[in-house]
Amino acid sequence: MTERQIAVRWKVSLKTLRRWRLDNEGPLWHKLFHHVRYHEADILEFERQSAQHWMAM
């Protein structure tokens, strides 16, 4: 998945995703040549973990 697809999915800005990468936050990402990509399984796992975190609060 592209960073734009993730930004739309989560309703966050590209700038937010990029800041998360710099801060080592957010889902696992991969660089393919000059493009950042996310595996769908990593996105689903991050969403699952995030949901558990918010439900535990």
N, C-alpha and C. Protein backbone atom coordinates (compact mmCIF):
# COMPACT_ATOMS: atom_id res chain seq x y z
N MET A 1 0.85 -1.17 0.00
CA MET A 1 0.00 0.00 0.00
C MET A 1 0.89 1.24 0.00
N THR A 2 0.44 2.27 -0.64
CA THR A 2 1.21 3.50 -0.68
C THR A 2 0.92 4.34 0.57
N GLU A 3 1.78 5.31 0.81
CA GLU A 3 1.54 6.18 1.96
C GLU A 3 0.28 7.01 1.76
N ARG A 4 -0.05 7.35 0.53
CA ARG A 4 -1.28 8.10 0.25
C ARG A 4 -2.51 7.24 0.59
N GLN A 5 -2.47 5.96 0.25
CA GLN A 5 -3.59 5.06 0.57
C GLN A 5 -3.78 4.96 2.08
N ILE A 6 -2.68 4.88 2.82
CA ILE A 6 -2.77 4.80 4.28
C ILE A 6 -3.31 6.10 4.85
N ALA A 7 -2.85 7.22 4.33
CA ALA A 7 -3.32 8.53 4.81
C ALA A 7 -4.82 8.66 4.60
N VAL A 8 -5.32 8.24 3.47
CA VAL A 8 -6.76 8.30 3.20
C VAL A 8 -7.50 7.34 4.12
N ARG A 9 -6.98 6.14 4.27
CA ARG A 9 -7.62 5.12 5.11
C ARG A 9 -7.79 5.61 6.55
N TRP A 10 -6.76 6.25 7.08
CA TRP A 10 -6.77 6.70 8.47
C TRP A 10 -7.16 8.17 8.64
N LYS A 11 -7.40 8.85 7.53
CA LYS A 11 -7.77 10.27 7.57
C LYS A 11 -6.71 11.10 8.32
N VAL A 12 -5.45 10.86 7.95
CA VAL A 12 -4.34 11.65 8.47
C VAL A 12 -3.58 12.22 7.28
N SER A 13 -2.77 13.21 7.53
CA SER A 13 -2.00 13.82 6.45
C SER A 13 -0.76 12.98 6.12
N LEU A 14 -0.25 13.18 4.92
CA LEU A 14 1.02 12.55 4.55
C LEU A 14 2.12 13.01 5.48
N LYS A 15 2.05 14.26 5.88
CA LYS A 15 3.06 14.81 6.80
C LYS A 15 3.07 14.03 8.12
N THR A 16 1.90 13.65 8.60
CA THR A 16 1.82 12.87 9.83
C THR A 16 2.49 11.52 9.66
N LEU A 17 2.19 10.82 8.58
CA LEU A 17 2.82 9.52 8.32
C LEU A 17 4.34 9.67 8.23
N ARG A 18 4.78 10.70 7.57
CA ARG A 18 6.22 10.91 7.41
C ARG A 18 6.89 11.21 8.75
N ARG A 19 6.21 11.97 9.59
CA ARG A 19 6.75 12.27 10.92
C ARG A 19 6.82 11.00 11.75
N TRP A 20 5.78 10.15 11.66
CA TRP A 20 5.81 8.88 12.38
C TRP A 20 7.00 8.04 11.96
N ARG A 21 7.30 8.02 10.66
CA ARG A 21 8.46 7.24 10.20
C ARG A 21 9.75 7.79 10.79
N LEU A 22 9.89 9.10 10.81
CA LEU A 22 11.09 9.71 11.38
C LEU A 22 11.23 9.42 12.87
N ASP A 23 10.09 9.34 13.56
CA ASP A 23 10.06 9.10 15.00
C ASP A 23 9.98 7.61 15.35
N ASN A 24 10.08 6.75 14.34
CA ASN A 24 9.96 5.29 14.54
C ASN A 24 8.66 4.92 15.22
N GLU A 25 7.58 5.53 14.79
CA GLU A 25 6.24 5.23 15.27
C GLU A 25 5.42 4.72 14.09
N GLY A 26 4.23 4.27 14.36
CA GLY A 26 3.36 3.82 13.28
C GLY A 26 3.71 2.43 12.79
N PRO A 27 3.09 2.03 11.70
CA PRO A 27 3.30 0.67 11.19
C PRO A 27 4.66 0.50 10.52
N LEU A 28 5.06 -0.74 10.38
CA LEU A 28 6.29 -1.08 9.68
C LEU A 28 6.17 -0.65 8.22
N TRP A 29 7.23 -0.05 7.69
CA TRP A 29 7.22 0.41 6.31
C TRP A 29 8.47 -0.08 5.61
N HIS A 30 8.42 -0.04 4.30
CA HIS A 30 9.53 -0.52 3.48
C HIS A 30 9.80 0.49 2.38
N LYS A 31 11.04 0.63 2.02
CA LYS A 31 11.43 1.54 0.95
C LYS A 31 11.76 0.71 -0.28
N LEU A 32 11.08 0.98 -1.38
CA LEU A 32 11.31 0.29 -2.65
C LEU A 32 11.76 1.35 -3.64
N PHE A 33 13.05 1.36 -3.92
CA PHE A 33 13.67 2.42 -4.71
C PHE A 33 13.41 3.75 -4.01
N HIS A 34 12.63 4.64 -4.57
CA HIS A 34 12.35 5.93 -3.92
C HIS A 34 10.96 5.98 -3.32
N HIS A 35 10.29 4.83 -3.24
CA HIS A 35 8.90 4.79 -2.82
C HIS A 35 8.75 4.08 -1.48
N VAL A 36 7.93 4.65 -0.61
CA VAL A 36 7.62 4.03 0.67
C VAL A 36 6.37 3.17 0.47
N ARG A 37 6.44 1.95 0.97
CA ARG A 37 5.31 1.03 0.84
C ARG A 37 5.05 0.36 2.18
N TYR A 38 3.79 -0.01 2.37
CA TYR A 38 3.35 -0.72 3.57
C TYR A 38 2.70 -2.03 3.15
N HIS A 39 3.03 -3.12 3.85
CA HIS A 39 2.35 -4.39 3.60
C HIS A 39 1.00 -4.37 4.31
N GLU A 40 0.00 -4.88 3.64
CA GLU A 40 -1.34 -4.89 4.22
C GLU A 40 -1.38 -5.60 5.57
N ALA A 41 -0.65 -6.70 5.70
CA ALA A 41 -0.63 -7.43 6.97
C ALA A 41 -0.08 -6.57 8.10
N ASP A 42 0.93 -5.75 7.81
CA ASP A 42 1.50 -4.85 8.83
C ASP A 42 0.49 -3.77 9.22
N ILE A 43 -0.26 -3.28 8.25
CA ILE A 43 -1.29 -2.27 8.54
C ILE A 43 -2.38 -2.86 9.43
N LEU A 44 -2.85 -4.05 9.08
CA LEU A 44 -3.90 -4.69 9.87
C LEU A 44 -3.42 -4.98 11.29
N GLU A 45 -2.18 -5.41 11.43
CA GLU A 45 -1.63 -5.69 12.77
C GLU A 45 -1.51 -4.40 13.58
N PHE A 46 -1.05 -3.33 12.95
CA PHE A 46 -0.94 -2.04 13.64
C PHE A 46 -2.33 -1.56 14.09
N GLU A 47 -3.33 -1.71 13.23
CA GLU A 47 -4.69 -1.31 13.59
C GLU A 47 -5.22 -2.15 14.75
N ARG A 48 -4.92 -3.44 14.72
CA ARG A 48 -5.37 -4.32 15.81
C ARG A 48 -4.73 -3.92 17.13
N GLN A 49 -3.42 -3.70 17.11
CA GLN A 49 -2.72 -3.30 18.33
C GLN A 49 -3.20 -1.95 18.83
N SER A 50 -3.44 -1.02 17.92
CA SER A 50 -3.92 0.30 18.32
C SER A 50 -5.30 0.22 18.95
N ALA A 51 -6.16 -0.61 18.40
CA ALA A 51 -7.50 -0.77 18.94
C ALA A 51 -7.44 -1.36 20.36
N GLN A 52 -6.56 -2.35 20.56
CA GLN A 52 -6.41 -2.96 21.88
C GLN A 52 -5.90 -1.94 22.89
N HIS A 53 -4.97 -1.10 22.45
CA HIS A 53 -4.42 -0.08 23.34
C HIS A 53 -5.51 0.89 23.79
N TRP A 54 -6.33 1.36 22.86
CA TRP A 54 -7.37 2.33 23.21
C TRP A 54 -8.49 1.70 24.02
N MET A 55 -8.77 0.42 23.80
CA MET A 55 -9.83 -0.24 24.57
C MET A 55 -9.38 -0.51 25.99
N ALA A 56 -8.06 -0.63 26.20
CA ALA A 56 -7.53 -0.92 27.54
C ALA A 56 -7.51 0.33 28.41
N MET A 57 -7.64 1.48 27.82
CA MET A 57 -7.57 2.73 28.60
C MET A 57 -8.88 3.01 29.29
